[in-house]
Structure formats: structure tokens, C-alpha cells
Amino acid sequence: MNTPHTIRVMLVDDHTVVRSGLATFLRAYDDLELVGEAKNGLEAVSLCRQQKPDVILMDLMMPKMDGVSATRLIRKKYPGIQVVALTTFDDKELVQDALRAGAISYMLKNSPMETITETIRDASVGRTTLSASAIQSLIGEEDDDMPAQELSTREKEVLRFLSDGLKNAAIANKLNISEATVRFHVSNILRKLGAANRAQAVAIAKDRKLLL
């Protein structure tokens, strides 16, 4: 029986062996419940309505419908479902496409299972996790020599809440400021860090140790 602390997980991968291996590991954790498996994006979108997962481990390269397209559709139809991209590829364009489609995290399949399960737990509460190679793909080697614009104290506070997965309304409540002010700070953070979205901003901030 599903308990309030159980995270409902769906696996989406076109390789049966990969799904079987992940399923075996997931069943070893009491707080994770495997509720469905799909072998392509079309099946994943269809199963979401029936299985109502909290988190989906989504492969990106699949027939019929790829993981990026499936992620975009799922996040539009079921915004409460979090998608963790789980793939063997970490090129910059694919990482950006997955995050723009709505994936909260991006992990490689060769990551330790403990790391993947922690990523699932973090995703279930809105926290982003990116593999080290994905972070490097996002920030790009050319950024290493670029001087970072200084973040204000308030921007660092907002950035810390972004890393915790908080939405604008929650951040506004925490800091006792308006949502419009939060949006202004988020915009400045993205601009100063050269980030395309919140997940990328958090990744860059972690890489530059701005969240200490």
C-alpha cells in the first residue's frame, strides 16, 4: 500500500535490460515504489494518467517519441510529475534541450545507484541534480575565463532558495518581498551567471561555489 512517504517512480527506456536492472535496484528501497515501465515516449505519456508517478526516470534516445518530446508533453499535461533525464549522452545541446523541456535533473546511466536514488528523492521535492559532466556541458569551457558578475546579498539568498526548488511565490513569502521583486532578482541572477534557465543557474552556482 502506498504511504505518504513513498515516491512513485516510472521507468522509461527502450532497452529491457536497462529497465530490468533499474527496477531491481528500486525495489530494494522502501521509500521508492515502481509503478510503471514504458519503452518509449508515447507509452510514457499514456501511462502517466493511469499510474500517476511522482518522478519519471526518462531515457532521451528512444523510438516513436524521444525523451525530450515526452518530457515536454508530460510537464505540460501533468506539471506535478517531475522528470529526471537518465541517459548515456551528456552533450551540451541535449542537456539544454532536456532542461528546457522541463526535466528537473540530468543524470548519466553510469552514475552510482545511490546517486540515482538520491536524485529521485530530491526531484520529488523539487530539487535539481545535475551530473558533473552535464554541469560542464552547460557552463562550457569558454566560461572558465569569463569574470563572473558579482551577485548581491539578496540575489544570493534568492539563488539559495532556487537551489532548494522553491517557486517565486514561496521565495517571496520566505523573504517577505513581492513576487515581482523575486522575478526581478531571478532575471538578474540568470543574466549575471549567463544562464538560460533556473536549473542552469543552480548548476553554474554550484560549480563556482556560490551556494556556500
C-alpha atoms as a PDB file:
ATOM      1  CA  MET A   1       0.000   0.000   0.000  1.00  0.00           C
ATOM      2  CA  ASN A   2       1.320   3.429  -0.906  1.00  0.00           C
ATOM      3  CA  THR A   3       2.275   5.564   2.123  1.00  0.00           C
ATOM      4  CA  PRO A   4       2.594   9.361   2.256  1.00  0.00           C
ATOM      5  CA  HIS A   5       6.384   8.983   2.235  1.00  0.00           C
ATOM      6  CA  THR A   6       6.565   6.613  -0.737  1.00  0.00           C
ATOM      7  CA  ILE A   7       7.773   8.118  -4.011  1.00  0.00           C
ATOM      8  CA  ARG A   8       6.007   6.663  -7.055  1.00  0.00           C
ATOM      9  CA  VAL A   9       8.542   6.076  -9.829  1.00  0.00           C
ATOM     10  CA  MET A  10       8.128   5.263 -13.523  1.00  0.00           C
ATOM     11  CA  LEU A  11      10.929   3.936 -15.740  1.00  0.00           C
ATOM     12  CA  VAL A  12      11.082   4.905 -19.420  1.00  0.00           C
ATOM     13  CA  ASP A  13      13.765   3.234 -21.555  1.00  0.00           C
ATOM     14  CA  ASP A  14      13.681   1.293 -24.805  1.00  0.00           C
ATOM     15  CA  HIS A  15      16.190  -1.267 -23.511  1.00  0.00           C
ATOM     16  CA  THR A  16      14.532  -4.038 -21.496  1.00  0.00           C
ATOM     17  CA  VAL A  17      17.792  -4.944 -19.741  1.00  0.00           C
ATOM     18  CA  VAL A  18      18.241  -1.360 -18.523  1.00  0.00           C
ATOM     19  CA  ARG A  19      14.677  -1.177 -17.207  1.00  0.00           C
ATOM     20  CA  SER A  20      15.038  -4.556 -15.516  1.00  0.00           C
ATOM     21  CA  GLY A  21      18.261  -3.537 -13.795  1.00  0.00           C
ATOM     22  CA  LEU A  22      16.859  -0.232 -12.567  1.00  0.00           C
ATOM     23  CA  ALA A  23      13.653  -1.924 -11.403  1.00  0.00           C
ATOM     24  CA  THR A  24      15.643  -4.432  -9.343  1.00  0.00           C
ATOM     25  CA  PHE A  25      17.576  -1.667  -7.604  1.00  0.00           C
ATOM     26  CA  LEU A  26      14.487   0.469  -6.969  1.00  0.00           C
ATOM     27  CA  ARG A  27      12.659  -2.402  -5.286  1.00  0.00           C
ATOM     28  CA  ALA A  28      15.416  -2.510  -2.669  1.00  0.00           C
ATOM     29  CA  TYR A  29      14.321   0.868  -1.256  1.00  0.00           C
ATOM     30  CA  ASP A  30      11.287   1.073   0.998  1.00  0.00           C
ATOM     31  CA  ASP A  31      10.579   4.714   0.136  1.00  0.00           C
ATOM     32  CA  LEU A  32      10.518   4.116  -3.638  1.00  0.00           C
ATOM     33  CA  GLU A  33       7.652   2.357  -5.415  1.00  0.00           C
ATOM     34  CA  LEU A  34       7.936   1.298  -9.049  1.00  0.00           C
ATOM     35  CA  VAL A  35       4.513   1.982 -10.558  1.00  0.00           C
ATOM     36  CA  GLY A  36       5.128   1.587 -14.270  1.00  0.00           C
ATOM     37  CA  GLU A  37       7.521   0.972 -17.149  1.00  0.00           C
ATOM     38  CA  ALA A  38       7.460   2.249 -20.725  1.00  0.00           C
ATOM     39  CA  LYS A  39       9.699   1.513 -23.697  1.00  0.00           C
ATOM     40  CA  ASN A  40       9.218   4.835 -25.488  1.00  0.00           C
ATOM     41  CA  GLY A  41       7.903   8.349 -25.005  1.00  0.00           C
ATOM     42  CA  LEU A  42       4.447   7.611 -26.373  1.00  0.00           C
ATOM     43  CA  GLU A  43       3.892   4.863 -23.841  1.00  0.00           C
ATOM     44  CA  ALA A  44       5.199   7.105 -21.072  1.00  0.00           C
ATOM     45  CA  VAL A  45       2.734   9.895 -21.842  1.00  0.00           C
ATOM     46  CA  SER A  46      -0.120   7.385 -21.974  1.00  0.00           C
ATOM     47  CA  LEU A  47       0.827   5.708 -18.691  1.00  0.00           C
ATOM     48  CA  CYS A  48       1.108   8.953 -16.725  1.00  0.00           C
ATOM     49  CA  ARG A  49      -2.659   9.387 -16.477  1.00  0.00           C
ATOM     50  CA  GLN A  50      -3.147   5.845 -15.230  1.00  0.00           C
ATOM     51  CA  GLN A  51      -0.141   5.390 -12.930  1.00  0.00           C
ATOM     52  CA  LYS A  52       0.286   8.969 -11.634  1.00  0.00           C
ATOM     53  CA  PRO A  53       4.013   8.748 -10.880  1.00  0.00           C
ATOM     54  CA  ASP A  54       5.769  11.351  -8.770  1.00  0.00           C
ATOM     55  CA  VAL A  55       9.071  11.005 -10.620  1.00  0.00           C
ATOM     56  CA  ILE A  56       9.966   9.572 -14.033  1.00  0.00           C
ATOM     57  CA  LEU A  57      13.427   8.283 -14.963  1.00  0.00           C
ATOM     58  CA  MET A  58      13.434   9.201 -18.648  1.00  0.00           C
ATOM     59  CA  ASP A  59      15.808   7.937 -21.308  1.00  0.00           C
ATOM     60  CA  LEU A  60      16.291  10.511 -24.059  1.00  0.00           C
ATOM     61  CA  MET A  61      17.097   8.465 -27.173  1.00  0.00           C
ATOM     62  CA  MET A  62      14.086   6.253 -27.953  1.00  0.00           C
ATOM     63  CA  PRO A  63      11.999   5.265 -30.996  1.00  0.00           C
ATOM     64  CA  LYS A  64       8.481   6.584 -31.756  1.00  0.00           C
ATOM     65  CA  MET A  65       8.891   9.509 -29.345  1.00  0.00           C
ATOM     66  CA  ASP A  66      12.177  10.655 -27.830  1.00  0.00           C
ATOM     67  CA  GLY A  67      12.594  11.560 -24.182  1.00  0.00           C
ATOM     68  CA  VAL A  68      12.815  15.313 -24.732  1.00  0.00           C
ATOM     69  CA  SER A  69       9.476  15.396 -26.590  1.00  0.00           C
ATOM     70  CA  ALA A  70       7.878  13.126 -23.997  1.00  0.00           C
ATOM     71  CA  THR A  71       9.181  15.289 -21.170  1.00  0.00           C
ATOM     72  CA  ARG A  72       7.736  18.414 -22.765  1.00  0.00           C
ATOM     73  CA  LEU A  73       4.305  16.808 -23.166  1.00  0.00           C
ATOM     74  CA  ILE A  74       4.252  15.295 -19.686  1.00  0.00           C
ATOM     75  CA  ARG A  75       5.294  18.513 -17.975  1.00  0.00           C
ATOM     76  CA  LYS A  76       2.575  20.387 -19.897  1.00  0.00           C
ATOM     77  CA  LYS A  77      -0.188  17.886 -19.141  1.00  0.00           C
ATOM     78  CA  TYR A  78       0.945  16.819 -15.674  1.00  0.00           C
ATOM     79  CA  PRO A  79       3.026  19.622 -14.098  1.00  0.00           C
ATOM     80  CA  GLY A  80       3.110  17.776 -10.777  1.00  0.00           C
ATOM     81  CA  ILE A  81       5.220  14.978 -12.270  1.00  0.00           C
ATOM     82  CA  GLN A  82       8.975  15.532 -12.122  1.00  0.00           C
ATOM     83  CA  VAL A  83      11.195  14.122 -14.865  1.00  0.00           C
ATOM     84  CA  VAL A  84      14.781  13.031 -14.348  1.00  0.00           C
ATOM     85  CA  ALA A  85      16.655  12.632 -17.628  1.00  0.00           C
ATOM     86  CA  LEU A  86      18.744   9.456 -17.386  1.00  0.00           C
ATOM     87  CA  THR A  87      20.949   8.899 -20.411  1.00  0.00           C
ATOM     88  CA  THR A  88      24.366   7.883 -21.708  1.00  0.00           C
ATOM     89  CA  PHE A  89      24.830  11.197 -23.527  1.00  0.00           C
ATOM     90  CA  ASP A  90      25.939  14.487 -21.991  1.00  0.00           C
ATOM     91  CA  ASP A  91      26.474  16.830 -24.936  1.00  0.00           C
ATOM     92  CA  LYS A  92      25.568  20.449 -24.327  1.00  0.00           C
ATOM     93  CA  GLU A  93      22.651  20.625 -26.769  1.00  0.00           C
ATOM     94  CA  LEU A  94      20.958  17.535 -25.355  1.00  0.00           C
ATOM     95  CA  VAL A  95      21.370  18.717 -21.765  1.00  0.00           C
ATOM     96  CA  GLN A  96      19.870  22.099 -22.622  1.00  0.00           C
ATOM     97  CA  ASP A  97      17.018  20.546 -24.620  1.00  0.00           C
ATOM     98  CA  ALA A  98      16.086  18.247 -21.733  1.00  0.00           C
ATOM     99  CA  LEU A  99      16.105  21.055 -19.170  1.00  0.00           C
ATOM    100  CA  ARG A 100      14.157  23.402 -21.426  1.00  0.00           C
ATOM    101  CA  ALA A 101      11.589  20.647 -21.959  1.00  0.00           C
ATOM    102  CA  GLY A 102      11.050  20.592 -18.214  1.00  0.00           C
ATOM    103  CA  ALA A 103      13.373  17.918 -16.807  1.00  0.00           C
ATOM    104  CA  ILE A 104      14.325  18.819 -13.257  1.00  0.00           C
ATOM    105  CA  SER A 105      17.536  16.773 -13.263  1.00  0.00           C
ATOM    106  CA  TYR A 106      20.024  15.246 -15.679  1.00  0.00           C
ATOM    107  CA  MET A 107      21.997  12.129 -14.781  1.00  0.00           C
ATOM    108  CA  LEU A 108      24.134   9.609 -16.636  1.00  0.00           C
ATOM    109  CA  LYS A 109      23.271   5.919 -16.608  1.00  0.00           C
ATOM    110  CA  ASN A 110      26.709   5.016 -15.288  1.00  0.00           C
ATOM    111  CA  SER A 111      26.084   7.022 -12.102  1.00  0.00           C
ATOM    112  CA  PRO A 112      26.108   5.004  -8.848  1.00  0.00           C
ATOM    113  CA  MET A 113      22.652   3.707  -7.975  1.00  0.00           C
ATOM    114  CA  GLU A 114      22.823   5.559  -4.653  1.00  0.00           C
ATOM    115  CA  THR A 115      23.266   8.797  -6.599  1.00  0.00           C
ATOM    116  CA  ILE A 116      20.300   8.000  -8.836  1.00  0.00           C
ATOM    117  CA  THR A 117      18.037   7.186  -5.892  1.00  0.00           C
ATOM    118  CA  GLU A 118      19.038  10.402  -4.125  1.00  0.00           C
ATOM    119  CA  THR A 119      18.292  12.270  -7.344  1.00  0.00           C
ATOM    120  CA  ILE A 120      14.811  10.710  -7.367  1.00  0.00           C
ATOM    121  CA  ARG A 121      14.237  11.818  -3.770  1.00  0.00           C
ATOM    122  CA  ASP A 122      15.464  15.338  -4.498  1.00  0.00           C
ATOM    123  CA  ALA A 123      13.325  15.577  -7.636  1.00  0.00           C
ATOM    124  CA  SER A 124      10.226  14.564  -5.679  1.00  0.00           C
ATOM    125  CA  VAL A 125      10.614  17.693  -3.535  1.00  0.00           C
ATOM    126  CA  GLY A 126      11.629  19.981  -6.403  1.00  0.00           C
ATOM    127  CA  ARG A 127      15.403  19.968  -6.051  1.00  0.00           C
ATOM    128  CA  THR A 128      17.614  19.867  -9.146  1.00  0.00           C
ATOM    129  CA  THR A 129      20.525  17.462  -9.563  1.00  0.00           C
ATOM    130  CA  LEU A 130      22.921  17.553 -12.498  1.00  0.00           C
ATOM    131  CA  SER A 131      25.810  15.200 -13.208  1.00  0.00           C
ATOM    132  CA  ALA A 132      29.263  16.772 -13.159  1.00  0.00           C
ATOM    133  CA  SER A 133      29.635  16.250 -16.908  1.00  0.00           C
ATOM    134  CA  ALA A 134      26.240  17.849 -17.516  1.00  0.00           C
ATOM    135  CA  ILE A 135      27.281  20.872 -15.480  1.00  0.00           C
ATOM    136  CA  GLN A 136      30.469  21.161 -17.529  1.00  0.00           C
ATOM    137  CA  SER A 137      28.457  20.862 -20.728  1.00  0.00           C
ATOM    138  CA  LEU A 138      26.195  23.699 -19.574  1.00  0.00           C
ATOM    139  CA  ILE A 139      28.811  26.155 -18.405  1.00  0.00           C
ATOM    140  CA  GLY A 140      31.190  25.428 -21.301  1.00  0.00           C
ATOM    141  CA  GLU A 141      34.944  25.564 -21.184  1.00  0.00           C
ATOM    142  CA  GLU A 142      34.929  29.092 -22.509  1.00  0.00           C
ATOM    143  CA  ASP A 143      33.207  30.311 -19.349  1.00  0.00           C
ATOM    144  CA  ASP A 144      36.211  29.469 -17.198  1.00  0.00           C
ATOM    145  CA  ASP A 145      37.984  32.653 -18.251  1.00  0.00           C
ATOM    146  CA  MET A 146      34.923  34.874 -18.036  1.00  0.00           C
ATOM    147  CA  PRO A 147      34.783  37.150 -14.990  1.00  0.00           C
ATOM    148  CA  ALA A 148      31.614  36.455 -13.015  1.00  0.00           C
ATOM    149  CA  GLN A 149      29.458  39.472 -12.233  1.00  0.00           C
ATOM    150  CA  GLU A 150      29.077  39.906  -8.505  1.00  0.00           C
ATOM    151  CA  LEU A 151      25.766  38.770  -7.058  1.00  0.00           C
ATOM    152  CA  SER A 152      24.189  40.936  -4.404  1.00  0.00           C
ATOM    153  CA  THR A 153      23.426  39.528  -0.962  1.00  0.00           C
ATOM    154  CA  ARG A 154      19.733  39.381  -1.812  1.00  0.00           C
ATOM    155  CA  GLU A 155      20.436  37.638  -5.128  1.00  0.00           C
ATOM    156  CA  LYS A 156      22.487  35.020  -3.292  1.00  0.00           C
ATOM    157  CA  GLU A 157      19.563  34.485  -0.920  1.00  0.00           C
ATOM    158  CA  VAL A 158      17.191  34.024  -3.849  1.00  0.00           C
ATOM    159  CA  LEU A 159      19.705  31.713  -5.546  1.00  0.00           C
ATOM    160  CA  ARG A 160      19.863  29.524  -2.446  1.00  0.00           C
ATOM    161  CA  PHE A 161      16.074  29.154  -2.485  1.00  0.00           C
ATOM    162  CA  LEU A 162      16.209  28.362  -6.221  1.00  0.00           C
ATOM    163  CA  SER A 163      18.614  25.522  -5.447  1.00  0.00           C
ATOM    164  CA  ASP A 164      16.053  24.176  -2.968  1.00  0.00           C
ATOM    165  CA  GLY A 165      13.446  24.082  -5.726  1.00  0.00           C
ATOM    166  CA  LEU A 166      11.235  26.888  -4.376  1.00  0.00           C
ATOM    167  CA  LYS A 167       8.872  28.745  -6.702  1.00  0.00           C
ATOM    168  CA  ASN A 168       8.631  32.541  -6.860  1.00  0.00           C
ATOM    169  CA  ALA A 169       5.645  32.710  -4.516  1.00  0.00           C
ATOM    170  CA  ALA A 170       7.403  30.635  -1.862  1.00  0.00           C
ATOM    171  CA  ILE A 171      10.596  32.682  -2.156  1.00  0.00           C
ATOM    172  CA  ALA A 172       8.585  35.892  -1.841  1.00  0.00           C
ATOM    173  CA  ASN A 173       6.984  34.548   1.328  1.00  0.00           C
ATOM    174  CA  LYS A 174      10.337  33.493   2.779  1.00  0.00           C
ATOM    175  CA  LEU A 175      11.937  36.875   2.139  1.00  0.00           C
ATOM    176  CA  ASN A 176       8.803  38.955   2.773  1.00  0.00           C
ATOM    177  CA  ILE A 177       9.009  40.616  -0.642  1.00  0.00           C
ATOM    178  CA  SER A 178       6.675  40.670  -3.658  1.00  0.00           C
ATOM    179  CA  GLU A 179       6.698  38.069  -6.419  1.00  0.00           C
ATOM    180  CA  ALA A 180       7.543  40.832  -8.881  1.00  0.00           C
ATOM    181  CA  THR A 181      10.676  41.568  -6.870  1.00  0.00           C
ATOM    182  CA  VAL A 182      11.599  37.897  -6.870  1.00  0.00           C
ATOM    183  CA  ARG A 183      11.182  37.776 -10.654  1.00  0.00           C
ATOM    184  CA  PHE A 184      13.461  40.802 -10.929  1.00  0.00           C
ATOM    185  CA  HIS A 185      16.147  39.107  -8.809  1.00  0.00           C
ATOM    186  CA  VAL A 186      15.853  35.828 -10.742  1.00  0.00           C
ATOM    187  CA  SER A 187      16.247  37.720 -14.013  1.00  0.00           C
ATOM    188  CA  ASN A 188      19.378  39.415 -12.692  1.00  0.00           C
ATOM    189  CA  ILE A 189      20.784  36.101 -11.472  1.00  0.00           C
ATOM    190  CA  LEU A 190      20.298  34.482 -14.881  1.00  0.00           C
ATOM    191  CA  ARG A 191      21.870  37.463 -16.623  1.00  0.00           C
ATOM    192  CA  LYS A 192      24.882  37.681 -14.316  1.00  0.00           C
ATOM    193  CA  LEU A 193      25.565  33.956 -14.445  1.00  0.00           C
ATOM    194  CA  GLY A 194      24.912  33.700 -18.173  1.00  0.00           C
ATOM    195  CA  ALA A 195      22.291  31.025 -17.536  1.00  0.00           C
ATOM    196  CA  ALA A 196      19.380  30.126 -19.811  1.00  0.00           C
ATOM    197  CA  ASN A 197      17.130  28.875 -17.005  1.00  0.00           C
ATOM    198  CA  ARG A 198      16.954  28.219 -13.264  1.00  0.00           C
ATOM    199  CA  ALA A 199      18.462  24.745 -13.430  1.00  0.00           C
ATOM    200  CA  GLN A 200      21.449  26.031 -15.351  1.00  0.00           C
ATOM    201  CA  ALA A 201      21.845  28.927 -12.908  1.00  0.00           C
ATOM    202  CA  VAL A 202      21.937  26.488  -9.996  1.00  0.00           C
ATOM    203  CA  ALA A 203      24.446  24.295 -11.849  1.00  0.00           C
ATOM    204  CA  ILE A 204      26.746  27.247 -12.539  1.00  0.00           C
ATOM    205  CA  ALA A 205      26.376  28.492  -8.961  1.00  0.00           C
ATOM    206  CA  LYS A 206      27.366  25.076  -7.579  1.00  0.00           C
ATOM    207  CA  ASP A 207      30.346  24.890  -9.919  1.00  0.00           C
ATOM    208  CA  ARG A 208      31.505  28.364  -8.825  1.00  0.00           C
ATOM    209  CA  LYS A 209      30.768  27.568  -5.167  1.00  0.00           C
ATOM    210  CA  LEU A 210      28.293  30.430  -4.844  1.00  0.00           C
ATOM    211  CA  LEU A 211      25.907  28.396  -2.678  1.00  0.00           C
ATOM    212  CA  LEU A 212      28.152  28.005   0.347  1.00  0.00           C
END
